[in-house]
N, C-alpha and C. Protein backbone atom coordinates (compact mmCIF):
# COMPACT_ATOMS: atom_id res chain seq x y z
N MET A 1 86.29 102.03 159.35
CA MET A 1 87.03 101.09 158.50
C MET A 1 87.79 100.08 159.35
N LEU A 2 88.46 100.60 160.38
CA LEU A 2 89.23 99.73 161.26
C LEU A 2 88.31 98.75 161.97
N LEU A 3 87.16 99.24 162.41
CA LEU A 3 86.20 98.38 163.10
C LEU A 3 85.70 97.28 162.18
N TRP A 4 85.50 97.64 160.89
CA TRP A 4 85.04 96.66 159.91
C TRP A 4 86.08 95.56 159.69
N MET A 5 87.33 95.94 159.66
CA MET A 5 88.40 94.96 159.47
C MET A 5 88.51 94.03 160.68
N VAL A 6 88.32 94.58 161.86
CA VAL A 6 88.37 93.76 163.08
C VAL A 6 87.23 92.75 163.08
N LEU A 7 86.04 93.23 162.66
CA LEU A 7 84.89 92.33 162.61
C LEU A 7 85.11 91.20 161.61
N LEU A 8 85.69 91.53 160.45
CA LEU A 8 85.98 90.51 159.44
C LEU A 8 86.98 89.49 159.97
N LEU A 9 87.99 89.97 160.69
CA LEU A 9 89.01 89.08 161.24
C LEU A 9 88.39 88.13 162.27
N CYS A 10 87.50 88.67 163.11
CA CYS A 10 86.85 87.85 164.14
C CYS A 10 85.98 86.78 163.49
N VAL A 11 85.23 87.17 162.45
CA VAL A 11 84.39 86.21 161.75
C VAL A 11 85.23 85.13 161.10
N SER A 12 86.33 85.53 160.49
CA SER A 12 87.23 84.58 159.83
C SER A 12 87.80 83.58 160.83
N MET A 13 88.21 84.08 161.99
CA MET A 13 88.78 83.21 163.00
C MET A 13 87.73 82.27 163.57
N THR A 14 86.50 82.77 163.72
CA THR A 14 85.42 81.93 164.24
C THR A 14 85.11 80.80 163.28
N GLU A 15 85.07 81.13 161.98
CA GLU A 15 84.82 80.09 160.98
C GLU A 15 85.95 79.07 160.96
N ALA A 16 87.17 79.56 161.11
CA ALA A 16 88.31 78.63 161.11
C ALA A 16 88.26 77.72 162.32
N GLN A 17 87.85 78.31 163.47
CA GLN A 17 87.76 77.51 164.69
C GLN A 17 86.77 76.37 164.52
N GLU A 18 85.73 76.61 163.72
CA GLU A 18 84.69 75.60 163.56
C GLU A 18 84.99 74.62 162.43
N LEU A 19 86.15 74.73 161.80
CA LEU A 19 86.50 73.78 160.74
C LEU A 19 86.57 72.36 161.28
N PHE A 20 87.04 72.20 162.49
CA PHE A 20 87.11 70.87 163.10
C PHE A 20 86.96 71.01 164.61
N GLN A 21 86.51 69.93 165.22
CA GLN A 21 86.26 69.94 166.65
C GLN A 21 87.51 69.52 167.44
N ASP A 22 87.40 69.65 168.76
CA ASP A 22 88.52 69.22 169.60
C ASP A 22 88.77 67.73 169.39
N PRO A 23 90.03 67.35 169.21
CA PRO A 23 90.33 65.93 168.94
C PRO A 23 90.16 65.07 170.18
N VAL A 24 89.97 63.78 169.94
CA VAL A 24 89.88 62.77 170.99
C VAL A 24 90.96 61.72 170.75
N LEU A 25 91.77 61.47 171.76
CA LEU A 25 92.83 60.47 171.64
C LEU A 25 92.38 59.18 172.29
N SER A 26 92.52 58.06 171.58
CA SER A 26 92.08 56.77 172.11
C SER A 26 93.06 55.67 171.71
N ARG A 27 93.04 54.61 172.48
CA ARG A 27 93.86 53.43 172.17
C ARG A 27 93.00 52.44 171.42
N LEU A 28 93.48 51.98 170.26
CA LEU A 28 92.67 51.11 169.41
C LEU A 28 92.83 49.64 169.76
N ASN A 29 94.04 49.21 170.12
CA ASN A 29 94.25 47.79 170.37
C ASN A 29 94.08 47.46 171.85
N SER A 30 93.99 46.19 172.13
CA SER A 30 93.75 45.74 173.50
C SER A 30 94.96 46.00 174.38
N SER A 31 94.70 46.24 175.65
CA SER A 31 95.79 46.45 176.61
C SER A 31 96.54 45.16 176.90
N GLU A 32 96.00 44.00 176.45
CA GLU A 32 96.66 42.72 176.69
C GLU A 32 97.82 42.48 175.74
N THR A 33 97.87 43.22 174.63
CA THR A 33 98.97 43.07 173.69
C THR A 33 100.10 44.02 174.04
N SER A 34 101.33 43.67 173.60
CA SER A 34 102.48 44.51 173.91
C SER A 34 102.59 45.70 172.96
N ASP A 35 101.87 45.67 171.82
CA ASP A 35 101.90 46.78 170.88
C ASP A 35 101.01 47.92 171.38
N LEU A 36 101.35 49.13 170.97
CA LEU A 36 100.57 50.31 171.34
C LEU A 36 100.13 51.04 170.08
N LEU A 37 98.83 51.17 169.89
CA LEU A 37 98.27 51.86 168.73
C LEU A 37 97.29 52.92 169.21
N LEU A 38 97.63 54.19 168.92
CA LEU A 38 96.78 55.32 169.32
C LEU A 38 96.21 56.00 168.08
N LYS A 39 95.02 56.56 168.23
CA LYS A 39 94.38 57.29 167.13
C LYS A 39 93.86 58.62 167.63
N CYS A 40 94.15 59.66 166.86
CA CYS A 40 93.67 61.01 167.14
C CYS A 40 92.50 61.31 166.19
N THR A 41 91.31 61.49 166.76
CA THR A 41 90.11 61.65 165.95
C THR A 41 89.50 63.03 166.15
N THR A 42 89.15 63.66 165.04
CA THR A 42 88.44 64.94 165.09
C THR A 42 87.35 64.94 164.04
N LYS A 43 86.31 65.75 164.23
CA LYS A 43 85.22 65.86 163.28
C LYS A 43 85.32 67.18 162.53
N VAL A 44 85.30 67.07 161.21
CA VAL A 44 85.37 68.26 160.36
C VAL A 44 83.95 68.65 159.95
N ASP A 45 83.66 69.94 159.98
CA ASP A 45 82.33 70.44 159.60
C ASP A 45 82.09 70.14 158.13
N PRO A 46 81.06 69.32 157.79
CA PRO A 46 80.81 68.96 156.39
C PRO A 46 80.38 70.15 155.53
N ASN A 47 79.91 71.21 156.16
CA ASN A 47 79.48 72.39 155.41
C ASN A 47 80.62 73.34 155.10
N LYS A 48 81.78 73.07 155.67
CA LYS A 48 82.93 73.92 155.41
C LYS A 48 83.83 73.27 154.36
N PRO A 49 84.58 74.07 153.66
CA PRO A 49 85.53 73.49 152.70
C PRO A 49 86.51 72.58 153.40
N ALA A 50 86.87 71.51 152.71
CA ALA A 50 87.81 70.55 153.29
C ALA A 50 89.11 71.25 153.63
N SER A 51 89.60 70.94 154.81
CA SER A 51 90.83 71.56 155.27
C SER A 51 91.90 70.48 155.46
N GLU A 52 93.11 70.82 155.12
CA GLU A 52 94.23 69.88 155.30
C GLU A 52 94.67 69.94 156.76
N LEU A 53 94.58 68.79 157.44
CA LEU A 53 94.89 68.74 158.86
C LEU A 53 96.19 68.00 159.12
N PHE A 54 96.85 68.43 160.17
CA PHE A 54 98.09 67.79 160.60
C PHE A 54 97.93 67.30 162.04
N TYR A 55 98.56 66.14 162.33
CA TYR A 55 98.43 65.51 163.64
C TYR A 55 99.81 65.40 164.30
N SER A 56 99.85 65.81 165.54
CA SER A 56 101.08 65.69 166.34
C SER A 56 100.75 64.92 167.61
N PHE A 57 101.74 64.16 168.09
CA PHE A 57 101.54 63.36 169.30
C PHE A 57 102.58 63.72 170.34
N TYR A 58 102.15 63.74 171.60
CA TYR A 58 103.02 64.10 172.71
C TYR A 58 102.94 63.02 173.79
N LYS A 59 104.06 62.81 174.47
CA LYS A 59 104.10 61.94 175.65
C LYS A 59 104.75 62.71 176.78
N ASP A 60 104.02 62.82 177.88
CA ASP A 60 104.51 63.58 179.03
C ASP A 60 104.96 64.98 178.60
N ASN A 61 104.17 65.59 177.69
CA ASN A 61 104.39 66.95 177.18
C ASN A 61 105.64 67.09 176.31
N HIS A 62 106.18 65.97 175.84
CA HIS A 62 107.32 66.00 174.91
C HIS A 62 106.85 65.43 173.57
N ILE A 63 107.16 66.12 172.50
CA ILE A 63 106.68 65.70 171.19
C ILE A 63 107.35 64.40 170.75
N ILE A 64 106.55 63.46 170.23
CA ILE A 64 107.08 62.18 169.76
C ILE A 64 106.73 61.95 168.29
N GLN A 65 105.81 62.74 167.74
CA GLN A 65 105.51 62.69 166.31
C GLN A 65 104.98 64.07 165.90
N ASN A 66 105.70 64.73 164.99
CA ASN A 66 105.40 66.13 164.68
C ASN A 66 104.70 66.29 163.34
N ARG A 67 103.54 66.91 163.35
CA ARG A 67 102.78 67.36 162.18
C ARG A 67 102.83 66.36 161.02
N SER A 68 102.06 65.31 161.20
CA SER A 68 101.93 64.30 160.16
C SER A 68 100.48 64.23 159.70
N HIS A 69 100.27 63.77 158.46
CA HIS A 69 98.91 63.57 157.98
C HIS A 69 98.29 62.30 158.56
N ASN A 70 99.12 61.50 159.19
CA ASN A 70 98.65 60.23 159.74
C ASN A 70 98.08 60.45 161.15
N PRO A 71 96.80 60.13 161.37
CA PRO A 71 96.21 60.32 162.69
C PRO A 71 96.53 59.17 163.66
N LEU A 72 97.39 58.24 163.23
CA LEU A 72 97.73 57.09 164.06
C LEU A 72 99.15 57.20 164.59
N PHE A 73 99.36 56.66 165.77
CA PHE A 73 100.69 56.56 166.35
C PHE A 73 100.88 55.13 166.85
N PHE A 74 101.98 54.49 166.45
CA PHE A 74 102.16 53.07 166.73
C PHE A 74 103.55 52.81 167.32
N ILE A 75 103.59 51.95 168.35
CA ILE A 75 104.84 51.45 168.93
C ILE A 75 104.74 49.93 168.98
N SER A 76 105.68 49.27 168.33
CA SER A 76 105.72 47.81 168.35
C SER A 76 106.44 47.33 169.61
N GLU A 77 105.85 46.33 170.27
CA GLU A 77 106.43 45.73 171.48
C GLU A 77 106.78 46.81 172.50
N ALA A 78 105.80 47.61 172.84
CA ALA A 78 105.99 48.66 173.85
C ALA A 78 106.25 48.03 175.22
N ASN A 79 106.99 48.74 176.05
CA ASN A 79 107.30 48.23 177.39
C ASN A 79 106.96 49.30 178.43
N GLU A 80 107.41 49.05 179.66
CA GLU A 80 107.06 49.95 180.77
C GLU A 80 107.56 51.37 180.53
N GLU A 81 108.68 51.51 179.82
CA GLU A 81 109.21 52.85 179.56
C GLU A 81 108.29 53.68 178.69
N ASN A 82 107.40 53.03 177.97
CA ASN A 82 106.46 53.74 177.11
C ASN A 82 105.18 54.15 177.84
N SER A 83 105.09 53.84 179.11
CA SER A 83 103.95 54.27 179.91
C SER A 83 104.02 55.79 180.13
N GLY A 84 102.88 56.43 180.23
CA GLY A 84 102.87 57.87 180.48
C GLY A 84 101.58 58.53 180.03
N LEU A 85 101.58 59.86 180.05
CA LEU A 85 100.43 60.66 179.63
C LEU A 85 100.60 61.07 178.17
N TYR A 86 99.67 60.63 177.33
CA TYR A 86 99.73 60.93 175.90
C TYR A 86 98.67 61.97 175.54
N GLN A 87 99.00 62.74 174.50
CA GLN A 87 98.10 63.78 174.02
C GLN A 87 98.35 63.99 172.53
N CYS A 88 97.30 64.34 171.80
CA CYS A 88 97.48 64.67 170.38
C CYS A 88 97.00 66.09 170.12
N VAL A 89 97.59 66.69 169.09
CA VAL A 89 97.28 68.06 168.70
C VAL A 89 96.96 68.06 167.20
N VAL A 90 95.87 68.72 166.84
CA VAL A 90 95.47 68.85 165.43
C VAL A 90 95.54 70.32 165.05
N ASP A 91 96.16 70.59 163.91
CA ASP A 91 96.20 71.98 163.43
C ASP A 91 95.99 72.03 161.93
N ALA A 92 95.54 73.18 161.47
CA ALA A 92 95.30 73.38 160.05
C ALA A 92 96.63 73.62 159.33
N LYS A 93 96.53 73.69 158.02
CA LYS A 93 97.74 73.77 157.20
C LYS A 93 98.58 74.99 157.53
N ASP A 94 97.95 76.12 157.75
CA ASP A 94 98.72 77.34 158.02
C ASP A 94 99.18 77.42 159.48
N GLY A 95 98.70 76.50 160.31
CA GLY A 95 99.14 76.47 161.71
C GLY A 95 98.49 77.49 162.60
N THR A 96 97.53 78.26 162.07
CA THR A 96 96.92 79.30 162.90
C THR A 96 95.92 78.71 163.90
N ILE A 97 95.28 77.59 163.51
CA ILE A 97 94.30 76.96 164.39
C ILE A 97 94.89 75.65 164.91
N GLN A 98 94.89 75.51 166.21
CA GLN A 98 95.47 74.32 166.84
C GLN A 98 94.59 73.89 168.01
N LYS A 99 94.23 72.62 168.02
CA LYS A 99 93.37 72.10 169.09
C LYS A 99 94.00 70.85 169.69
N LYS A 100 93.88 70.74 171.02
CA LYS A 100 94.51 69.65 171.76
C LYS A 100 93.46 68.71 172.34
N SER A 101 93.84 67.45 172.42
CA SER A 101 92.97 66.46 173.06
C SER A 101 93.22 66.46 174.57
N ASP A 102 92.35 65.76 175.30
CA ASP A 102 92.62 65.52 176.71
C ASP A 102 93.77 64.51 176.83
N TYR A 103 94.35 64.42 178.01
CA TYR A 103 95.43 63.46 178.23
C TYR A 103 94.86 62.04 178.32
N LEU A 104 95.64 61.10 177.80
CA LEU A 104 95.29 59.68 177.88
C LEU A 104 96.41 58.97 178.65
N ASP A 105 96.06 58.39 179.80
CA ASP A 105 97.04 57.72 180.65
C ASP A 105 97.23 56.29 180.17
N ILE A 106 98.43 55.98 179.71
CA ILE A 106 98.76 54.64 179.21
C ILE A 106 99.67 53.94 180.21
N ASP A 107 99.19 52.81 180.72
CA ASP A 107 99.97 52.00 181.67
C ASP A 107 100.31 50.69 180.99
N LEU A 108 101.61 50.47 180.75
CA LEU A 108 102.06 49.30 180.00
C LEU A 108 102.73 48.26 180.90
N CYS A 109 102.28 48.15 182.13
CA CYS A 109 102.79 47.11 183.02
C CYS A 109 102.38 45.74 182.49
N THR A 110 103.26 44.75 182.61
CA THR A 110 103.00 43.41 182.11
C THR A 110 102.63 42.46 183.24
N SER A 111 101.85 41.45 182.89
CA SER A 111 101.41 40.46 183.87
C SER A 111 102.56 39.57 184.30
N VAL A 112 102.44 39.03 185.50
CA VAL A 112 103.46 38.09 185.98
C VAL A 112 103.28 36.75 185.30
N SER A 113 104.39 36.08 185.05
CA SER A 113 104.33 34.71 184.53
C SER A 113 104.14 33.75 185.70
N GLN A 114 103.75 32.52 185.39
CA GLN A 114 103.53 31.55 186.47
C GLN A 114 104.84 31.30 187.22
N PRO A 115 104.84 31.46 188.53
CA PRO A 115 106.07 31.26 189.29
C PRO A 115 106.46 29.79 189.38
N VAL A 116 107.74 29.57 189.60
CA VAL A 116 108.28 28.22 189.81
C VAL A 116 108.79 28.15 191.24
N LEU A 117 108.36 27.13 191.97
CA LEU A 117 108.72 26.98 193.38
C LEU A 117 109.63 25.78 193.57
N THR A 118 110.74 25.99 194.25
CA THR A 118 111.66 24.90 194.59
C THR A 118 111.88 24.88 196.10
N LEU A 119 112.20 23.68 196.59
CA LEU A 119 112.45 23.48 198.02
C LEU A 119 113.90 23.07 198.21
N GLN A 120 114.60 23.80 199.05
CA GLN A 120 116.02 23.52 199.30
C GLN A 120 116.21 23.15 200.76
N HIS A 121 116.91 22.01 200.98
CA HIS A 121 117.21 21.58 202.35
C HIS A 121 118.44 20.69 202.34
N GLU A 122 119.15 20.62 203.47
CA GLU A 122 120.39 19.86 203.56
C GLU A 122 120.17 18.44 204.07
N ALA A 123 119.19 18.23 204.95
CA ALA A 123 118.98 16.91 205.55
C ALA A 123 118.39 15.94 204.54
N THR A 124 118.83 14.69 204.59
CA THR A 124 118.27 13.65 203.72
C THR A 124 116.86 13.29 204.15
N ASN A 125 116.68 13.06 205.44
CA ASN A 125 115.36 12.80 206.01
C ASN A 125 114.99 13.99 206.89
N LEU A 126 114.01 14.74 206.46
CA LEU A 126 113.63 15.94 207.20
C LEU A 126 112.98 15.57 208.53
N ALA A 127 113.37 16.27 209.57
CA ALA A 127 112.79 16.10 210.89
C ALA A 127 112.21 17.43 211.36
N GLU A 128 111.30 17.34 212.27
CA GLU A 128 110.69 18.55 212.81
C GLU A 128 111.76 19.47 213.39
N GLY A 129 111.71 20.73 213.00
CA GLY A 129 112.71 21.70 213.47
C GLY A 129 113.82 21.95 212.48
N ASP A 130 114.00 21.07 211.48
CA ASP A 130 115.03 21.31 210.45
C ASP A 130 114.69 22.57 209.66
N LYS A 131 115.72 23.23 209.13
CA LYS A 131 115.53 24.43 208.32
C LYS A 131 115.40 24.08 206.84
N VAL A 132 114.40 24.64 206.19
CA VAL A 132 114.23 24.49 204.74
C VAL A 132 114.04 25.88 204.15
N LYS A 133 114.36 25.98 202.86
CA LYS A 133 114.21 27.26 202.16
C LYS A 133 113.29 27.06 200.96
N PHE A 134 112.21 27.85 200.90
CA PHE A 134 111.34 27.88 199.74
C PHE A 134 111.82 29.01 198.82
N LEU A 135 111.98 28.71 197.53
CA LEU A 135 112.41 29.72 196.55
C LEU A 135 111.35 29.84 195.47
N CYS A 136 110.81 31.05 195.30
CA CYS A 136 109.76 31.32 194.31
C CYS A 136 110.32 32.28 193.26
N GLU A 137 110.24 31.90 191.98
CA GLU A 137 110.84 32.70 190.89
C GLU A 137 109.84 32.91 189.76
N THR A 138 109.86 34.12 189.17
CA THR A 138 109.08 34.43 187.97
C THR A 138 110.02 34.96 186.89
N GLN A 139 109.69 34.67 185.64
CA GLN A 139 110.52 35.12 184.52
C GLN A 139 110.04 36.46 183.96
N LEU A 140 108.74 36.72 184.05
CA LEU A 140 108.17 37.93 183.44
C LEU A 140 107.28 38.64 184.46
N GLY A 141 107.05 39.91 184.21
CA GLY A 141 106.15 40.68 185.07
C GLY A 141 106.77 41.99 185.50
N SER A 142 105.96 43.04 185.46
CA SER A 142 106.43 44.36 185.89
C SER A 142 106.66 44.37 187.40
N LEU A 143 107.74 45.01 187.79
CA LEU A 143 108.07 45.15 189.20
C LEU A 143 107.31 46.35 189.78
N PRO A 144 107.04 46.35 191.09
CA PRO A 144 107.43 45.33 192.08
C PRO A 144 106.48 44.14 192.08
N ILE A 145 107.02 42.98 192.50
CA ILE A 145 106.25 41.75 192.60
C ILE A 145 106.20 41.32 194.06
N LEU A 146 105.01 40.93 194.50
CA LEU A 146 104.80 40.48 195.87
C LEU A 146 104.70 38.96 195.87
N TYR A 147 105.47 38.30 196.75
CA TYR A 147 105.50 36.84 196.81
C TYR A 147 104.90 36.34 198.13
N SER A 148 104.11 35.27 198.03
CA SER A 148 103.53 34.64 199.21
C SER A 148 103.73 33.13 199.11
N PHE A 149 103.94 32.49 200.26
CA PHE A 149 104.16 31.04 200.30
C PHE A 149 103.03 30.38 201.09
N TYR A 150 102.60 29.20 200.61
CA TYR A 150 101.45 28.54 201.20
C TYR A 150 101.72 27.06 201.47
N MET A 151 101.12 26.55 202.54
CA MET A 151 101.12 25.13 202.87
C MET A 151 99.67 24.70 203.03
N ASP A 152 99.19 23.91 202.07
CA ASP A 152 97.78 23.50 202.05
C ASP A 152 96.84 24.70 202.14
N GLY A 153 97.17 25.76 201.42
CA GLY A 153 96.31 26.94 201.35
C GLY A 153 96.50 27.94 202.47
N GLU A 154 97.29 27.59 203.49
CA GLU A 154 97.54 28.51 204.59
C GLU A 154 98.87 29.22 204.38
N ILE A 155 98.86 30.55 204.51
CA ILE A 155 100.05 31.34 204.22
C ILE A 155 101.13 31.10 205.27
N LEU A 156 102.37 31.04 204.82
CA LEU A 156 103.53 30.88 205.70
C LEU A 156 104.21 32.24 205.86
N GLY A 157 104.18 32.79 207.05
CA GLY A 157 104.82 34.08 207.27
C GLY A 157 104.09 35.21 206.58
N GLU A 158 104.81 36.32 206.36
CA GLU A 158 104.25 37.50 205.71
C GLU A 158 104.65 37.54 204.23
N PRO A 159 103.82 38.14 203.35
CA PRO A 159 104.21 38.30 201.94
C PRO A 159 105.51 39.07 201.82
N LEU A 160 106.34 38.69 200.83
CA LEU A 160 107.64 39.31 200.64
C LEU A 160 107.64 40.13 199.36
N ALA A 161 108.34 41.28 199.41
CA ALA A 161 108.41 42.18 198.25
C ALA A 161 109.87 42.53 197.96
N PRO A 162 110.65 41.60 197.42
CA PRO A 162 112.05 41.90 197.07
C PRO A 162 112.11 42.79 195.84
N SER A 163 113.29 43.25 195.50
CA SER A 163 113.44 44.16 194.36
C SER A 163 113.49 43.43 193.03
N GLY A 164 113.73 42.12 193.05
CA GLY A 164 113.86 41.37 191.80
C GLY A 164 112.71 40.44 191.51
N ARG A 165 113.00 39.36 190.77
CA ARG A 165 111.98 38.43 190.32
C ARG A 165 112.01 37.12 191.10
N ALA A 166 112.59 37.11 192.29
CA ALA A 166 112.63 35.91 193.11
C ALA A 166 112.58 36.29 194.58
N ALA A 167 112.01 35.38 195.37
CA ALA A 167 111.95 35.58 196.82
C ALA A 167 112.14 34.23 197.49
N SER A 168 112.79 34.23 198.65
CA SER A 168 113.02 32.99 199.38
C SER A 168 112.52 33.14 200.81
N LEU A 169 112.09 32.01 201.37
CA LEU A 169 111.59 31.97 202.74
C LEU A 169 112.31 30.85 203.48
N LEU A 170 113.09 31.20 204.49
CA LEU A 170 113.78 30.22 205.34
C LEU A 170 112.92 29.98 206.56
N ILE A 171 112.56 28.72 206.82
CA ILE A 171 111.60 28.43 207.88
C ILE A 171 111.86 27.06 208.47
N SER A 172 111.45 26.85 209.71
CA SER A 172 111.62 25.56 210.38
C SER A 172 110.49 24.61 210.00
N VAL A 173 110.84 23.34 209.81
CA VAL A 173 109.87 22.32 209.41
C VAL A 173 108.94 21.99 210.58
N LYS A 174 107.68 21.78 210.24
CA LYS A 174 106.70 21.32 211.22
C LYS A 174 106.27 19.91 210.87
N ALA A 175 105.97 19.11 211.89
CA ALA A 175 105.61 17.71 211.67
C ALA A 175 104.35 17.58 210.83
N GLU A 176 103.40 18.51 211.00
CA GLU A 176 102.12 18.41 210.28
C GLU A 176 102.25 18.74 208.79
N TRP A 177 103.41 19.19 208.34
CA TRP A 177 103.59 19.47 206.91
C TRP A 177 103.78 18.19 206.10
N SER A 178 104.04 17.10 206.73
CA SER A 178 104.37 15.85 206.05
C SER A 178 103.31 15.49 205.01
N GLY A 179 103.72 15.42 203.75
CA GLY A 179 102.84 15.01 202.67
C GLY A 179 101.83 16.05 202.21
N LYS A 180 101.87 17.26 202.75
CA LYS A 180 100.92 18.30 202.34
C LYS A 180 101.39 19.02 201.07
N ASN A 181 100.45 19.74 200.43
CA ASN A 181 100.77 20.50 199.23
C ASN A 181 101.32 21.88 199.61
N TYR A 182 102.41 22.27 198.96
CA TYR A 182 102.94 23.62 199.16
C TYR A 182 103.03 24.33 197.82
N SER A 183 102.91 25.64 197.84
CA SER A 183 102.91 26.44 196.61
C SER A 183 103.31 27.87 196.95
N CYS A 184 103.48 28.68 195.90
CA CYS A 184 103.77 30.11 196.10
C CYS A 184 102.97 30.92 195.09
N GLN A 185 102.78 32.19 195.41
CA GLN A 185 102.02 33.09 194.55
C GLN A 185 102.85 34.34 194.26
N ALA A 186 102.82 34.78 192.99
CA ALA A 186 103.47 36.02 192.57
C ALA A 186 102.38 36.99 192.12
N GLU A 187 102.48 38.25 192.55
CA GLU A 187 101.43 39.23 192.25
C GLU A 187 102.03 40.61 192.04
N ASN A 188 101.59 41.28 190.97
CA ASN A 188 101.88 42.71 190.80
C ASN A 188 100.58 43.45 190.58
N LYS A 189 100.63 44.70 190.21
CA LYS A 189 99.39 45.49 190.12
C LYS A 189 98.56 45.14 188.89
N VAL A 190 99.09 44.26 188.03
CA VAL A 190 98.34 43.86 186.84
C VAL A 190 97.66 42.50 187.03
N SER A 191 98.38 41.55 187.61
CA SER A 191 97.84 40.19 187.71
C SER A 191 98.50 39.43 188.84
N ARG A 192 98.03 38.20 189.05
CA ARG A 192 98.64 37.29 190.01
C ARG A 192 98.60 35.87 189.43
N ASP A 193 99.53 35.03 189.86
CA ASP A 193 99.56 33.65 189.39
C ASP A 193 100.16 32.78 190.49
N ILE A 194 99.80 31.48 190.46
CA ILE A 194 100.22 30.54 191.50
C ILE A 194 101.04 29.42 190.86
N SER A 195 102.05 28.97 191.56
CA SER A 195 102.89 27.89 191.07
C SER A 195 102.13 26.56 191.10
N GLU A 196 102.68 25.57 190.40
CA GLU A 196 102.12 24.22 190.47
C GLU A 196 102.33 23.67 191.88
N PRO A 197 101.28 23.08 192.49
CA PRO A 197 101.45 22.55 193.85
C PRO A 197 102.38 21.34 193.87
N LYS A 198 103.13 21.21 194.96
CA LYS A 198 104.04 20.08 195.15
C LYS A 198 103.81 19.46 196.51
N LYS A 199 104.18 18.18 196.63
CA LYS A 199 104.03 17.47 197.89
C LYS A 199 105.28 17.69 198.76
N PHE A 200 105.03 18.08 200.01
CA PHE A 200 106.15 18.24 200.94
C PHE A 200 106.65 16.86 201.36
N PRO A 201 107.97 16.72 201.52
CA PRO A 201 108.52 15.39 201.90
C PRO A 201 107.97 14.93 203.25
N LEU A 202 108.09 13.62 203.50
CA LEU A 202 107.68 13.06 204.78
C LEU A 202 108.60 13.59 205.88
N VAL A 203 108.00 13.97 206.97
CA VAL A 203 108.75 14.54 208.09
C VAL A 203 108.86 13.50 209.20
N VAL A 204 110.08 13.24 209.66
CA VAL A 204 110.31 12.30 210.75
C VAL A 204 110.09 13.05 212.06
N SER A 205 109.22 12.54 212.90
CA SER A 205 108.96 13.19 214.18
C SER A 205 110.11 12.97 215.13
N GLY A 206 110.21 13.79 216.18
CA GLY A 206 111.28 13.67 217.16
C GLY A 206 111.26 12.34 217.87
N THR A 207 110.07 11.79 218.21
CA THR A 207 109.93 10.52 218.90
C THR A 207 110.42 9.36 218.05
N ALA A 208 110.03 9.38 216.77
CA ALA A 208 110.45 8.31 215.87
C ALA A 208 111.95 8.31 215.70
N SER A 209 112.54 9.50 215.62
CA SER A 209 113.98 9.61 215.46
C SER A 209 114.71 9.06 216.67
N MET A 210 114.18 9.29 217.88
CA MET A 210 114.81 8.81 219.11
C MET A 210 114.75 7.30 219.20
N LYS A 211 113.61 6.69 218.83
CA LYS A 211 113.47 5.24 218.85
C LYS A 211 114.46 4.59 217.93
N SER A 212 114.65 5.18 216.76
CA SER A 212 115.58 4.62 215.78
C SER A 212 116.98 4.62 216.35
N THR A 213 117.37 5.69 217.04
CA THR A 213 118.71 5.77 217.63
C THR A 213 118.88 4.75 218.73
N THR A 214 117.85 4.54 219.55
CA THR A 214 117.92 3.57 220.64
C THR A 214 118.10 2.17 220.12
N MET A 215 117.44 1.82 219.06
CA MET A 215 117.57 0.49 218.47
C MET A 215 118.99 0.24 218.01
N VAL A 216 119.63 1.23 217.47
CA VAL A 216 120.99 1.06 216.98
C VAL A 216 121.93 0.74 218.13
N ILE A 217 121.62 1.28 219.33
CA ILE A 217 122.51 1.09 220.48
C ILE A 217 122.31 -0.27 221.14
N TRP A 218 121.05 -0.66 221.43
CA TRP A 218 120.86 -1.87 222.24
C TRP A 218 120.62 -3.13 221.43
N LEU A 219 120.35 -3.02 220.12
CA LEU A 219 120.10 -4.21 219.33
C LEU A 219 121.29 -5.15 219.28
N PRO A 220 122.52 -4.71 219.10
CA PRO A 220 123.66 -5.64 219.08
C PRO A 220 123.84 -6.36 220.40
N VAL A 221 123.57 -5.70 221.54
CA VAL A 221 123.71 -6.34 222.85
C VAL A 221 122.71 -7.46 223.01
N SER A 222 121.48 -7.25 222.63
CA SER A 222 120.46 -8.29 222.74
C SER A 222 120.78 -9.48 221.87
N CYS A 223 121.38 -9.23 220.76
CA CYS A 223 121.76 -10.33 219.87
C CYS A 223 122.85 -11.18 220.51
N LEU A 224 123.77 -10.52 221.18
CA LEU A 224 124.86 -11.26 221.84
C LEU A 224 124.32 -12.14 222.97
N VAL A 225 123.30 -11.63 223.71
CA VAL A 225 122.71 -12.43 224.80
C VAL A 225 122.02 -13.66 224.25
N GLY A 226 121.39 -13.53 223.14
CA GLY A 226 120.67 -14.66 222.55
C GLY A 226 121.58 -15.67 221.89
N TRP A 227 122.83 -15.27 221.59
CA TRP A 227 123.78 -16.16 220.90
C TRP A 227 125.09 -16.22 221.68
N PRO A 228 125.12 -16.99 222.84
CA PRO A 228 126.32 -17.00 223.70
C PRO A 228 127.56 -17.54 223.01
N TRP A 229 127.40 -18.35 221.95
CA TRP A 229 128.60 -18.89 221.30
C TRP A 229 129.44 -17.81 220.64
N LEU A 230 128.83 -16.63 220.40
CA LEU A 230 129.60 -15.55 219.80
C LEU A 230 130.64 -14.99 220.76
N LEU A 231 130.41 -15.20 222.12
CA LEU A 231 131.32 -14.65 223.10
C LEU A 231 132.66 -15.40 223.15
N ARG A 232 132.68 -16.61 222.56
CA ARG A 232 133.91 -17.40 222.58
C ARG A 232 135.02 -16.74 221.75
N PHE A 233 134.64 -15.93 220.80
CA PHE A 233 135.65 -15.32 219.91
C PHE A 233 136.16 -14.02 220.46
């Protein structure tokens, strides 16, 4: 008699196990949107009586939605804090049968926005050797962000990885930069973007600067030699 009851229990549990299959958790909407929509899907045996199923959702093994008839889980305007390992659990009405999905890794890092590049310098007319500061800033994008500075497509120095959304490069001016295009690039693990190119100011060479100074010194003397009547005063 006892053996018969055990056999009946085993058969009953086997039939219950086959009421529905292991669930599959998937993301329905595109990763390009800030919203997060997950669906827990399972297949119910059509030959078995319809069973009332409940859906639970977990993030990093912590429950975030408990035993609902809704197989969907939605977060509006999700951010980086919502990134993690998600899982769903399906169980029957009495709770005796419970099946779990595999983990789904959700990464909600956002793309960088187009950086804005500004040039800061103290001299009115830049000369070779003067110090200038390039400042590259982004408004959006998951950290960390890597910044690079370019002059006509050639990188200046090493890429910078500050903790925030801006990076600056202090560097000495070169004569060959005169009139060239300069730009900066911002990059994280999701995307990269480049600033609008700008023209570097004209650079006064050391020789030209020296000639200009010499003219200021000897030009008044030459004028006096050519106009002796000025010496009378």
